[in-house]
Amino acid sequence: MTKQRPEVFFSILILIVGMILVLITPAGANFDEETYMARIWEMALGHVIPNSYLDGPERLPSGFYTLSYRRHINLPAMDIETINQQLNVKIDDYDLMTYQTRAKYFPTLFMVQAAVMRFFGPHLRYPILILYYLLRFSYLLIYCLLIFLTIKALPFGKWVFGTLAVFPMCLIQAAAVSADSLIIGISFLFIARVVRLASTEKEAFTKKELIILCLLILALGTLKPNAIFLLPLLIIIPFRFLKNNKVWIPILIATLTSVSLPLIWTQFTPELIENPGIEPAKQLAILFTNPQIFFKSLWVMLANSLPIYLHQVVGVAGYGYWNMPGIIYWLMPAALFLALFSEPVRVTLTTRQRIIAGLVAFFNLFMVFLIFYVIITPVGVSRI
C-alpha cells in the first residue's frame, strides 16, 4: 500500500495555485499590499521602526502608488498591454511622494522581503511590477514551508489542516505581499507542535522539542496581537513533561516574553494618523464598567453580518474587486467535512484535552471581536 504524504500533496497544491494567483492578480489589488510595500521599502533602506523614515516628506517612490490597481480600478485587471506599460515603471529617486504605512507589525514579518527589496530594488532597479511578483513569491514559499512542517508534525488531522491551509482565503493571502502568510503559517505550526506533544506517550521533552516549542511561543508574540491568545493551548500538554528537568521554566520565560513583545512593540509604533471617535482607553473602560454594551454590539454585529463573515472565511478577493465562482462556497466546506471524517489516524487526545482545545478555539474567536471592539470601533457605535 502506498504511503500517504499529505504534506507533499498540499505543498504542491499551494505552490501551483499560489503561483497562478501571484501572476494574475494586479499589483496592489490584494488587501493592504500598498501599505506593506511601503513598510518593506522602509526596512530595505535600514529603518526598522515603521514610519521612522516615511514620516518625512517625499520618501516613497511614487511608482509603488501609481502602479497599484486600487488607483486604476477601471483598467483591465490583467492584459499584455497593461503589463508592458507597468514594466516600464521603475524606482525613480526624483519622483517621490509622502506616505505613511499602516503596516506596523513586528519587523521579523518583513525581514526576508526587505532583503529581496534591497537587492532587486535600490540595487538592481528592477521594475516595480517585478518587485511585486518577487515579494509575493517569497511570502508564498514561506507559507508553503510552514504548512509542510505543520502537516508533517501533526500526529493526526493532517488532511483537515491541509484542507484549511488551501482555503481560498488562505491562498489569496499567501500569494500576496502580506504578513498574513507568516501569521497563518506560524499559528498552524504552533498548534501542530502542541498537539504532537499533547498526544505523545513519551515521558519527557527532548532538547530539540523544547527549543522548537519555545521558539514558536516567542514567534506568536511577533505576529498580530491576537495570536498570543493561542498560548492557553499549552495547557493540553501533559503535566509529566513539565515536571521533568524543570522544563516549565524556559516555557514560562518564553510565554511571558511572548506576551510582553506586542506590548513593548506598540510603544515604538504610535498612531500618527488620528481616527475620529477611536478611543481604545475609553472603550476599555466601558468594557469593564458596562460590559453589556459590548455584548449588545457583538450581538448586533453577528445578527447582521454572520453570513458575510462565513463567506469571508472561505475566501474573498482583495477589497471585493472580483467574485469567486459560487460553487467554491459549497465545495470548500464539503471538502473540509470529508477530510474530517476520512482521517486515517485516530485522534489520541483525551476528553479533557479536547474540551480545553475547544475552549481555547472559542476564546480566540471571542478575543478577535473583543480586540476589534476596543481598538477600531468608535465610541458610541452600536455594532463592532
Protein backbone atom coordinates (compact mmCIF):
# COMPACT_ATOMS: atom_id res chain seq x y z
CA MET A 1 0.00 0.00 0.00
CA THR A 2 1.36 3.41 -0.98
CA LYS A 3 2.13 5.63 1.99
CA GLN A 4 0.09 8.81 2.07
CA ARG A 5 2.10 12.04 2.01
CA PRO A 6 -0.44 14.82 2.61
CA GLU A 7 2.33 17.33 3.39
CA VAL A 8 3.72 16.84 -0.14
CA PHE A 9 0.29 16.90 -1.79
CA PHE A 10 -0.79 20.14 -0.12
CA SER A 11 2.60 21.81 -0.60
CA ILE A 12 2.46 21.16 -4.35
CA LEU A 13 -1.16 22.36 -4.48
CA ILE A 14 -0.24 25.56 -2.61
CA LEU A 15 2.66 26.25 -4.98
CA ILE A 16 0.64 25.65 -8.15
CA VAL A 17 -2.44 27.65 -7.17
CA GLY A 18 -0.32 30.25 -5.38
CA MET A 19 1.88 30.89 -8.42
CA ILE A 20 -1.20 31.41 -10.58
CA LEU A 21 -2.52 33.95 -8.06
CA VAL A 22 0.87 35.67 -7.84
CA LEU A 23 0.87 36.27 -11.58
CA ILE A 24 -2.77 37.01 -12.40
CA THR A 25 -3.55 39.37 -9.52
CA PRO A 26 -2.81 43.01 -10.44
CA ALA A 27 -0.24 44.85 -8.34
CA GLY A 28 -1.82 46.35 -5.25
CA ALA A 29 -5.13 44.50 -5.70
CA ASN A 30 -4.70 42.34 -2.60
CA PHE A 31 -5.60 43.52 0.88
CA ASP A 32 -3.17 46.22 2.13
CA GLU A 33 -0.47 45.49 -0.45
CA GLU A 34 0.25 49.19 -0.90
CA THR A 35 0.95 49.76 2.77
CA TYR A 36 3.00 46.54 3.09
CA MET A 37 5.13 47.58 0.10
CA ALA A 38 5.82 50.91 1.80
CA ARG A 39 6.87 49.20 5.04
CA ILE A 40 9.14 46.78 3.20
CA TRP A 41 10.69 49.66 1.24
CA GLU A 42 11.37 51.47 4.51
CA MET A 43 13.00 48.39 6.04
CA ALA A 44 15.01 47.79 2.87
CA LEU A 45 16.63 51.18 3.48
CA GLY A 46 17.57 50.13 7.02
CA HIS A 47 14.71 51.65 9.05
CA VAL A 48 13.10 49.02 11.28
CA ILE A 49 10.64 51.23 13.17
CA PRO A 50 7.57 51.86 10.98
CA ASN A 51 7.31 55.43 9.69
CA SER A 52 10.65 56.39 11.22
CA TYR A 53 11.76 57.14 7.65
CA LEU A 54 8.44 57.52 5.83
CA ASP A 55 7.32 60.17 8.32
CA GLY A 56 9.37 62.70 6.38
CA PRO A 57 8.15 64.38 3.17
CA GLU A 58 8.61 62.64 -0.18
CA ARG A 59 10.26 59.39 0.91
CA LEU A 60 8.36 56.72 -1.07
CA PRO A 61 8.86 56.23 -4.83
CA SER A 62 5.58 57.27 -6.46
CA GLY A 63 5.67 54.22 -8.72
CA PHE A 64 4.57 51.99 -5.83
CA TYR A 65 1.40 54.03 -5.53
CA THR A 66 0.60 54.85 -9.14
CA LEU A 67 1.11 51.23 -10.24
CA SER A 68 -1.44 49.96 -7.73
CA TYR A 69 -4.69 48.57 -9.10
CA ARG A 70 -6.51 50.47 -6.35
CA ARG A 71 -5.65 53.69 -8.20
CA HIS A 72 -6.85 52.35 -11.58
CA ILE A 73 -9.73 50.02 -10.77
CA ASN A 74 -11.37 50.56 -14.16
CA LEU A 75 -8.33 49.33 -16.10
CA PRO A 76 -8.34 45.74 -17.38
CA ALA A 77 -7.43 43.52 -14.48
CA MET A 78 -4.68 41.86 -16.49
CA ASP A 79 -3.72 42.12 -20.16
CA ILE A 80 -0.48 42.25 -22.14
CA GLU A 81 -0.71 45.96 -22.89
CA THR A 82 -1.16 46.88 -19.22
CA ILE A 83 1.70 44.59 -18.17
CA ASN A 84 4.05 46.08 -20.78
CA GLN A 85 3.21 49.59 -19.59
CA GLN A 86 3.74 48.66 -15.94
CA LEU A 87 7.08 47.00 -16.68
CA ASN A 88 8.36 50.45 -17.62
CA VAL A 89 7.64 51.81 -14.13
CA LYS A 90 10.79 51.69 -12.02
CA ILE A 91 12.05 53.29 -8.83
CA ASP A 92 12.80 56.94 -9.54
CA ASP A 93 14.74 58.86 -6.91
CA TYR A 94 13.37 62.11 -8.35
CA ASP A 95 9.72 61.04 -8.29
CA LEU A 96 8.87 60.59 -4.61
CA MET A 97 5.73 61.04 -2.54
CA THR A 98 4.74 61.44 1.09
CA TYR A 99 3.19 58.29 2.56
CA GLN A 100 2.72 56.72 5.99
CA THR A 101 2.41 52.96 6.30
CA ARG A 102 -0.26 51.26 8.39
CA ALA A 103 1.80 48.04 8.48
CA LYS A 104 3.20 48.32 11.98
CA TYR A 105 3.71 44.66 12.80
CA PHE A 106 6.93 43.23 14.22
CA PRO A 107 9.86 43.57 11.76
CA THR A 108 10.56 39.82 11.59
CA LEU A 109 7.47 39.51 9.38
CA PHE A 110 9.20 41.59 6.70
CA MET A 111 12.91 40.76 7.04
CA VAL A 112 13.18 38.35 4.09
CA GLN A 113 11.14 40.66 1.89
CA ALA A 114 13.23 43.69 2.92
CA ALA A 115 16.36 41.82 1.80
CA VAL A 116 14.71 40.96 -1.53
CA MET A 117 13.57 44.57 -1.95
CA ARG A 118 17.02 45.93 -1.10
CA PHE A 119 18.79 43.75 -3.67
CA PHE A 120 16.32 43.94 -6.55
CA GLY A 121 15.03 47.46 -5.82
CA PRO A 122 17.59 50.17 -4.95
CA HIS A 123 20.50 47.96 -6.09
CA LEU A 124 19.39 46.37 -9.40
CA ARG A 125 16.50 48.74 -10.15
CA TYR A 126 14.07 46.05 -11.28
CA PRO A 127 10.63 47.23 -12.48
CA ILE A 128 8.21 47.71 -9.60
CA LEU A 129 5.85 45.10 -11.07
CA ILE A 130 8.66 42.52 -10.87
CA LEU A 131 9.27 43.56 -7.26
CA TYR A 132 5.62 42.82 -6.53
CA TYR A 133 5.98 39.35 -8.07
CA LEU A 134 9.22 38.60 -6.19
CA LEU A 135 7.82 39.66 -2.83
CA ARG A 136 4.61 37.72 -3.37
CA PHE A 137 6.59 34.64 -4.31
CA SER A 138 8.79 34.95 -1.22
CA TYR A 139 5.73 35.02 1.04
CA LEU A 140 4.20 32.09 -0.85
CA LEU A 141 7.35 29.99 -0.38
CA ILE A 142 7.43 30.75 3.34
CA TYR A 143 3.76 29.80 3.69
CA CYS A 144 4.33 26.59 1.75
CA LEU A 145 7.25 25.63 4.02
CA LEU A 146 5.29 26.38 7.20
CA ILE A 147 2.31 24.31 6.04
CA PHE A 148 4.63 21.45 5.04
CA LEU A 149 6.15 21.46 8.54
CA THR A 150 2.70 21.76 10.12
CA ILE A 151 1.22 18.74 8.36
CA LYS A 152 4.38 16.71 8.88
CA ALA A 153 4.36 17.44 12.62
CA LEU A 154 0.71 16.55 13.19
CA PRO A 155 0.10 13.06 14.61
CA PHE A 156 -3.45 13.16 13.20
CA GLY A 157 -5.68 15.65 11.42
CA LYS A 158 -3.23 16.06 8.56
CA TRP A 159 -5.92 16.18 5.87
CA VAL A 160 -8.08 18.55 7.93
CA PHE A 161 -5.27 21.05 8.45
CA GLY A 162 -4.16 20.68 4.86
CA THR A 163 -7.67 21.43 3.63
CA LEU A 164 -7.87 24.50 5.87
CA ALA A 165 -4.49 25.66 4.55
CA VAL A 166 -5.75 25.63 0.95
CA PHE A 167 -8.98 27.51 1.61
CA PRO A 168 -9.15 30.31 -1.00
CA MET A 169 -8.78 32.99 1.68
CA CYS A 170 -5.53 31.43 2.92
CA LEU A 171 -4.14 31.05 -0.59
CA ILE A 172 -5.09 34.60 -1.59
CA GLN A 173 -3.25 35.98 1.44
CA ALA A 174 -0.30 33.60 1.00
CA ALA A 175 0.18 34.79 -2.59
CA ALA A 176 0.03 38.47 -1.67
CA VAL A 177 2.54 40.96 -0.32
CA SER A 178 1.15 40.40 3.15
CA ALA A 179 2.37 39.33 6.57
CA ASP A 180 -0.68 37.06 6.82
CA SER A 181 1.17 34.17 5.19
CA LEU A 182 3.55 34.04 8.18
CA ILE A 183 0.80 34.78 10.67
CA ILE A 184 -1.37 31.91 9.45
CA GLY A 185 1.54 29.53 8.90
CA ILE A 186 3.25 30.08 12.25
CA SER A 187 -0.07 29.81 14.10
CA PHE A 188 -0.78 26.49 12.35
CA LEU A 189 2.71 25.21 13.15
CA PHE A 190 2.38 26.15 16.83
CA ILE A 191 -0.92 24.28 17.08
CA ALA A 192 0.58 21.25 15.33
CA ARG A 193 3.61 21.06 17.65
CA VAL A 194 1.47 21.42 20.77
CA VAL A 195 -0.94 18.72 19.58
CA ARG A 196 2.02 16.46 18.81
CA LEU A 197 3.40 16.89 22.34
CA ALA A 198 -0.04 16.51 23.90
CA SER A 199 -0.67 13.16 22.22
CA THR A 200 2.72 11.51 22.66
CA GLU A 201 3.33 8.71 25.14
CA LYS A 202 6.86 9.83 25.94
CA GLU A 203 7.72 10.90 29.47
CA ALA A 204 9.88 13.93 28.74
CA PHE A 205 10.78 16.56 26.17
CA THR A 206 13.82 16.11 24.02
CA LYS A 207 16.07 19.16 23.85
CA LYS A 208 15.05 19.67 20.21
CA GLU A 209 11.34 19.59 21.06
CA LEU A 210 11.82 22.09 23.88
CA ILE A 211 13.78 24.51 21.68
CA ILE A 212 11.23 24.32 18.86
CA LEU A 213 8.33 24.86 21.26
CA CYS A 214 9.97 27.87 22.94
CA LEU A 215 10.82 29.42 19.56
CA LEU A 216 7.23 29.00 18.38
CA ILE A 217 5.93 30.52 21.63
CA LEU A 218 8.19 33.52 21.07
CA ALA A 219 7.14 33.70 17.42
CA LEU A 220 3.48 34.08 18.40
CA GLY A 221 4.39 37.32 20.15
CA THR A 222 5.74 38.74 16.89
CA LEU A 223 2.52 38.18 14.91
CA LYS A 224 -0.74 40.09 15.14
CA PRO A 225 -1.55 40.87 18.80
CA ASN A 226 -4.41 38.35 18.94
CA ALA A 227 -2.00 35.48 18.14
CA ILE A 228 -0.87 35.32 21.77
CA PHE A 229 -4.32 34.05 22.70
CA LEU A 230 -3.25 30.69 21.25
CA LEU A 231 -0.86 30.30 24.20
CA PRO A 232 -3.51 28.77 26.53
CA LEU A 233 -3.41 25.74 24.23
CA LEU A 234 -0.18 24.82 26.06
CA ILE A 235 -2.41 23.58 28.89
CA ILE A 236 -3.19 20.39 26.95
CA ILE A 237 0.47 19.29 27.20
CA PRO A 238 0.64 16.58 29.92
CA PHE A 239 1.99 17.76 33.26
CA ARG A 240 4.57 14.94 33.30
CA PHE A 241 6.52 16.83 30.64
CA LEU A 242 6.73 19.97 32.72
CA LYS A 243 7.91 18.42 35.95
CA ASN A 244 10.83 16.59 34.35
CA ASN A 245 14.10 18.56 34.33
CA LYS A 246 12.20 21.76 35.16
CA VAL A 247 11.35 22.37 31.51
CA TRP A 248 8.47 24.54 32.70
CA ILE A 249 11.00 27.30 33.43
CA PRO A 250 12.07 28.02 29.81
CA ILE A 251 8.46 27.56 28.66
CA LEU A 252 7.27 30.09 31.24
CA ILE A 253 10.01 32.54 30.28
CA ALA A 254 9.16 32.16 26.59
CA THR A 255 5.45 32.64 27.32
CA LEU A 256 5.95 35.79 29.40
CA THR A 257 8.29 37.19 26.75
CA SER A 258 5.79 36.39 24.01
CA VAL A 259 3.01 38.21 25.85
CA SER A 260 5.30 41.18 26.50
CA LEU A 261 6.52 41.60 22.92
CA PRO A 262 3.29 43.11 21.48
CA LEU A 263 3.04 45.49 24.44
CA ILE A 264 6.64 46.62 24.05
CA TRP A 265 6.42 46.96 20.28
CA THR A 266 3.33 49.18 20.45
CA GLN A 267 5.41 51.72 22.39
CA PHE A 268 7.66 52.09 19.32
CA THR A 269 4.77 52.39 16.87
CA PRO A 270 2.39 55.14 17.99
CA GLU A 271 -0.53 56.12 15.80
CA LEU A 272 0.48 59.05 13.61
CA ILE A 273 -2.92 59.39 11.98
CA GLU A 274 -5.82 60.37 14.23
CA ASN A 275 -9.07 58.47 13.70
CA PRO A 276 -12.06 60.47 14.98
CA GLY A 277 -14.05 58.53 17.54
CA ILE A 278 -11.44 55.81 18.02
CA GLU A 279 -10.52 55.90 21.72
CA PRO A 280 -9.26 52.48 22.91
CA ALA A 281 -8.77 53.65 26.52
CA LYS A 282 -12.38 54.82 26.75
CA GLN A 283 -13.66 51.66 25.08
CA LEU A 284 -11.70 49.55 27.56
CA ALA A 285 -13.20 51.50 30.46
CA ILE A 286 -16.69 50.96 29.03
CA LEU A 287 -15.94 47.25 28.70
CA PHE A 288 -15.27 46.95 32.43
CA THR A 289 -17.97 49.31 33.69
CA ASN A 290 -20.73 48.42 31.22
CA PRO A 291 -19.90 45.04 29.63
CA GLN A 292 -23.47 44.72 28.40
CA ILE A 293 -22.72 47.41 25.79
CA PHE A 294 -20.02 45.20 24.28
CA PHE A 295 -22.24 42.11 24.22
CA LYS A 296 -25.06 44.08 22.65
CA SER A 297 -22.66 45.35 19.96
CA LEU A 298 -21.44 41.79 19.41
CA TRP A 299 -25.00 40.52 19.01
CA VAL A 300 -25.91 43.29 16.55
CA MET A 301 -22.81 42.56 14.50
CA LEU A 302 -23.38 38.79 14.39
CA ALA A 303 -27.09 39.14 13.68
CA ASN A 304 -26.43 41.39 10.69
CA SER A 305 -23.11 40.17 9.35
CA LEU A 306 -22.62 36.48 10.21
CA PRO A 307 -23.29 35.25 6.63
CA ILE A 308 -20.77 37.81 5.34
CA TYR A 309 -18.12 36.61 7.80
CA LEU A 310 -18.71 32.97 6.88
CA HIS A 311 -18.37 33.98 3.23
CA GLN A 312 -15.06 35.69 4.01
CA VAL A 313 -13.76 32.66 5.91
CA VAL A 314 -13.93 30.66 2.69
CA GLY A 315 -12.43 33.48 0.67
CA VAL A 316 -12.91 36.85 -0.99
CA ALA A 317 -10.70 38.69 -3.45
CA GLY A 318 -8.90 41.78 -2.19
CA TYR A 319 -11.37 44.56 -1.45
CA GLY A 320 -14.09 42.56 -3.22
CA TYR A 321 -12.87 43.50 -6.70
CA TRP A 322 -13.83 40.10 -8.11
CA ASN A 323 -16.28 37.39 -7.14
CA MET A 324 -15.21 33.77 -6.98
CA PRO A 325 -17.47 31.11 -8.51
CA GLY A 326 -20.39 30.47 -6.17
CA ILE A 327 -19.73 26.74 -6.15
CA ILE A 328 -16.47 27.38 -4.25
CA TYR A 329 -18.51 28.30 -1.17
CA TRP A 330 -20.07 24.85 -1.23
CA LEU A 331 -17.06 22.81 -2.32
CA MET A 332 -14.64 24.01 0.37
CA PRO A 333 -16.90 23.26 3.38
CA ALA A 334 -17.73 19.91 1.75
CA ALA A 335 -14.02 19.15 1.32
CA LEU A 336 -13.39 20.04 4.97
CA PHE A 337 -16.28 17.80 6.04
CA LEU A 338 -14.90 14.88 4.01
CA ALA A 339 -11.39 15.43 5.39
CA LEU A 340 -12.75 15.47 8.93
CA PHE A 341 -14.47 12.11 8.58
CA SER A 342 -11.91 10.36 6.43
CA GLU A 343 -8.80 10.83 8.56
CA PRO A 344 -6.84 7.56 8.56
CA VAL A 345 -5.34 8.17 12.02
CA ARG A 346 -7.45 8.14 15.17
CA VAL A 347 -7.42 11.20 17.43
CA THR A 348 -5.49 10.30 20.59
CA LEU A 349 -6.30 13.33 22.73
CA THR A 350 -8.16 12.69 25.97
CA THR A 351 -11.63 14.08 26.59
CA ARG A 352 -10.13 16.72 28.87
CA GLN A 353 -7.64 17.79 26.21
CA ARG A 354 -10.37 18.01 23.56
CA ILE A 355 -12.56 20.17 25.80
CA ILE A 356 -9.66 22.51 26.58
CA ALA A 357 -8.74 22.75 22.89
CA GLY A 358 -12.34 23.59 22.03
CA LEU A 359 -12.50 26.26 24.73
CA VAL A 360 -9.23 27.80 23.51
CA ALA A 361 -10.64 27.93 19.97
CA PHE A 362 -13.80 29.66 21.21
CA PHE A 363 -11.71 32.01 23.37
CA ASN A 364 -9.60 33.03 20.36
CA LEU A 365 -12.67 33.75 18.27
CA PHE A 366 -14.17 35.80 21.09
CA MET A 367 -10.96 37.79 21.60
CA VAL A 368 -10.86 38.76 17.91
CA PHE A 369 -14.21 40.52 18.30
CA LEU A 370 -13.16 41.98 21.66
CA ILE A 371 -10.00 43.49 20.15
CA PHE A 372 -11.98 44.90 17.23
CA TYR A 373 -14.37 46.48 19.73
CA VAL A 374 -11.61 48.11 21.77
CA ILE A 375 -9.19 49.09 19.00
CA ILE A 376 -11.20 50.01 15.91
CA THR A 377 -14.82 50.57 16.97
CA PRO A 378 -15.70 54.25 17.53
CA VAL A 379 -17.09 55.11 20.95
CA GLY A 380 -20.88 55.08 20.94
CA VAL A 381 -21.29 52.91 17.84
CA SER A 382 -23.82 50.15 18.46
CA ARG A 383 -22.04 47.43 16.48
CA ILE A 384 -18.46 46.19 16.12
